[in-house]
Amino acid sequence: MDEDDEKVTDVRDRIEQGEYQVEPRAVADAILRRLRQLAAVRSERVGTRERAWAREQRLQMRCSYPESAPSPSVKTTSAGPARTRPTAVMSSVIARLASALSTVLQPDPGTQTQSS
């Protein structure tokens, strides 16, 4: 049995006995390490020639395979909450008449309509 199999067996036994303690920092480090590995593999897979070809073809690759770290935001609005003028719903005469008319013209609940 190799070292990895022994580790798996040991962890499995500790879990079954209720003795296994999760280490959040170790889990987070492992996740980040794996994500960095995937990013490196992805970057290797898409080389300079592919990027040049995509630019010539006007294909979108920037988000999927960025060439460098993200650039600073070009957002020009403030970071705080936006302010707007309060709005109010004003019922116009036409809206009130339309509402009253639709109420009057509703069919009786006991009647059926048919179209052909």
Protein backbone atom coordinates (compact mmCIF):
# COMPACT_ATOMS: atom_id res chain seq x y z
CA MET A 1 0.00 0.00 0.00
CA ASP A 2 1.50 3.37 -0.95
CA GLU A 3 1.58 6.51 1.19
CA ASP A 4 -1.54 8.13 -0.37
CA ASP A 5 -3.63 4.98 0.21
CA GLU A 6 -2.48 4.91 3.84
CA LYS A 7 -3.50 8.56 4.30
CA VAL A 8 -6.92 7.90 2.82
CA THR A 9 -7.42 4.85 5.04
CA ASP A 10 -6.29 6.79 8.12
CA VAL A 11 -8.64 9.71 7.38
CA ARG A 12 -11.53 7.33 6.67
CA ASP A 13 -10.97 5.55 10.00
CA ARG A 14 -10.78 8.85 11.90
CA ILE A 15 -14.01 10.06 10.28
CA GLU A 16 -15.82 6.83 11.20
CA GLN A 17 -14.62 7.17 14.81
CA GLY A 18 -15.63 10.84 14.98
CA GLU A 19 -12.04 11.94 15.60
CA TYR A 20 -11.40 13.85 12.37
CA GLN A 21 -11.11 17.64 12.74
CA VAL A 22 -11.51 19.76 9.62
CA GLU A 23 -8.84 22.45 9.29
CA PRO A 24 -10.52 25.33 7.40
CA ARG A 25 -7.23 27.08 6.59
CA ALA A 26 -5.76 23.88 5.09
CA VAL A 27 -8.92 23.31 3.04
CA ALA A 28 -8.88 26.90 1.75
CA ASP A 29 -5.17 26.65 0.89
CA ALA A 30 -5.79 23.41 -1.01
CA ILE A 31 -8.66 24.97 -2.98
CA LEU A 32 -6.57 28.02 -3.90
CA ARG A 33 -3.59 25.84 -4.85
CA ARG A 34 -5.83 23.75 -7.14
CA LEU A 35 -7.35 26.85 -8.76
CA ARG A 36 -3.86 28.24 -9.45
CA GLN A 37 -2.84 24.93 -11.02
CA LEU A 38 -5.91 24.97 -13.26
CA ALA A 39 -5.21 28.58 -14.29
CA ALA A 40 -1.61 27.67 -15.16
CA VAL A 41 -2.73 24.69 -17.25
CA ARG A 42 -5.34 26.80 -19.02
CA SER A 43 -2.77 29.51 -19.72
CA GLU A 44 -0.36 26.92 -21.17
CA ARG A 45 -3.10 25.46 -23.34
CA VAL A 46 -3.90 28.79 -24.95
CA GLY A 47 -0.60 30.06 -26.29
CA THR A 48 0.50 33.19 -28.06
CA ARG A 49 -0.40 31.85 -31.51
CA GLU A 50 -3.96 31.04 -30.44
CA ARG A 51 -4.36 34.49 -28.91
CA ALA A 52 -3.08 36.16 -32.10
CA TRP A 53 -5.43 34.06 -34.23
CA ALA A 54 -8.37 34.95 -31.95
CA ARG A 55 -7.53 38.66 -32.27
CA GLU A 56 -7.41 38.36 -36.07
CA GLN A 57 -10.77 36.58 -36.09
CA ARG A 58 -12.17 39.07 -33.58
CA LEU A 59 -13.03 36.28 -31.17
CA GLN A 60 -13.63 36.94 -27.51
CA MET A 61 -10.96 35.38 -25.31
CA ARG A 62 -10.19 38.13 -22.83
CA CYS A 63 -12.49 36.92 -20.04
CA SER A 64 -11.85 33.23 -20.57
CA TYR A 65 -8.10 33.44 -21.01
CA PRO A 66 -6.79 36.80 -19.78
CA GLU A 67 -3.26 37.66 -20.85
CA SER A 68 -2.45 39.37 -17.55
CA ALA A 69 -3.86 40.36 -14.22
CA PRO A 70 -7.13 42.29 -14.30
CA SER A 71 -6.77 45.98 -15.06
CA PRO A 72 -8.06 48.63 -12.66
CA SER A 73 -11.75 49.38 -12.91
CA VAL A 74 -12.82 52.14 -15.27
CA LYS A 75 -16.06 52.64 -13.39
CA THR A 76 -16.73 56.37 -13.04
CA THR A 77 -19.64 56.33 -10.62
CA SER A 78 -19.13 56.70 -6.91
CA ALA A 79 -18.85 53.65 -4.71
CA GLY A 80 -21.69 54.73 -2.44
CA PRO A 81 -25.41 54.32 -2.98
CA ALA A 82 -26.93 56.22 -5.86
CA ARG A 83 -29.41 59.01 -5.25
CA THR A 84 -32.54 59.43 -7.29
CA ARG A 85 -35.49 61.73 -7.08
CA PRO A 86 -38.46 60.11 -5.36
CA THR A 87 -41.20 59.01 -7.66
CA ALA A 88 -44.88 58.98 -6.96
CA VAL A 89 -47.69 57.24 -8.76
CA MET A 90 -50.34 59.73 -9.74
CA SER A 91 -53.59 58.34 -10.91
CA SER A 92 -54.75 60.20 -13.97
CA VAL A 93 -58.37 60.68 -14.94
CA ILE A 94 -57.90 58.39 -17.94
CA ALA A 95 -56.38 55.63 -15.80
CA ARG A 96 -59.27 55.83 -13.31
CA LEU A 97 -61.83 55.71 -16.13
CA ALA A 98 -60.10 52.71 -17.74
CA SER A 99 -60.08 50.88 -14.42
CA ALA A 100 -63.75 51.60 -13.80
CA LEU A 101 -64.65 50.56 -17.35
CA SER A 102 -62.76 47.26 -17.09
CA THR A 103 -64.54 46.50 -13.81
CA VAL A 104 -67.96 47.21 -15.33
CA LEU A 105 -67.26 45.18 -18.48
CA GLN A 106 -66.09 42.02 -16.68
CA PRO A 107 -68.33 39.07 -17.51
CA ASP A 108 -70.47 37.52 -14.83
CA PRO A 109 -68.74 34.59 -13.10
CA GLY A 110 -71.52 32.24 -14.21
CA THR A 111 -71.24 33.00 -17.93
CA GLN A 112 -68.92 31.45 -20.46
CA THR A 113 -67.40 33.01 -23.52
CA GLN A 114 -66.70 31.25 -26.77
CA SER A 115 -64.87 32.34 -29.86
CA SER A 116 -64.80 30.64 -33.23
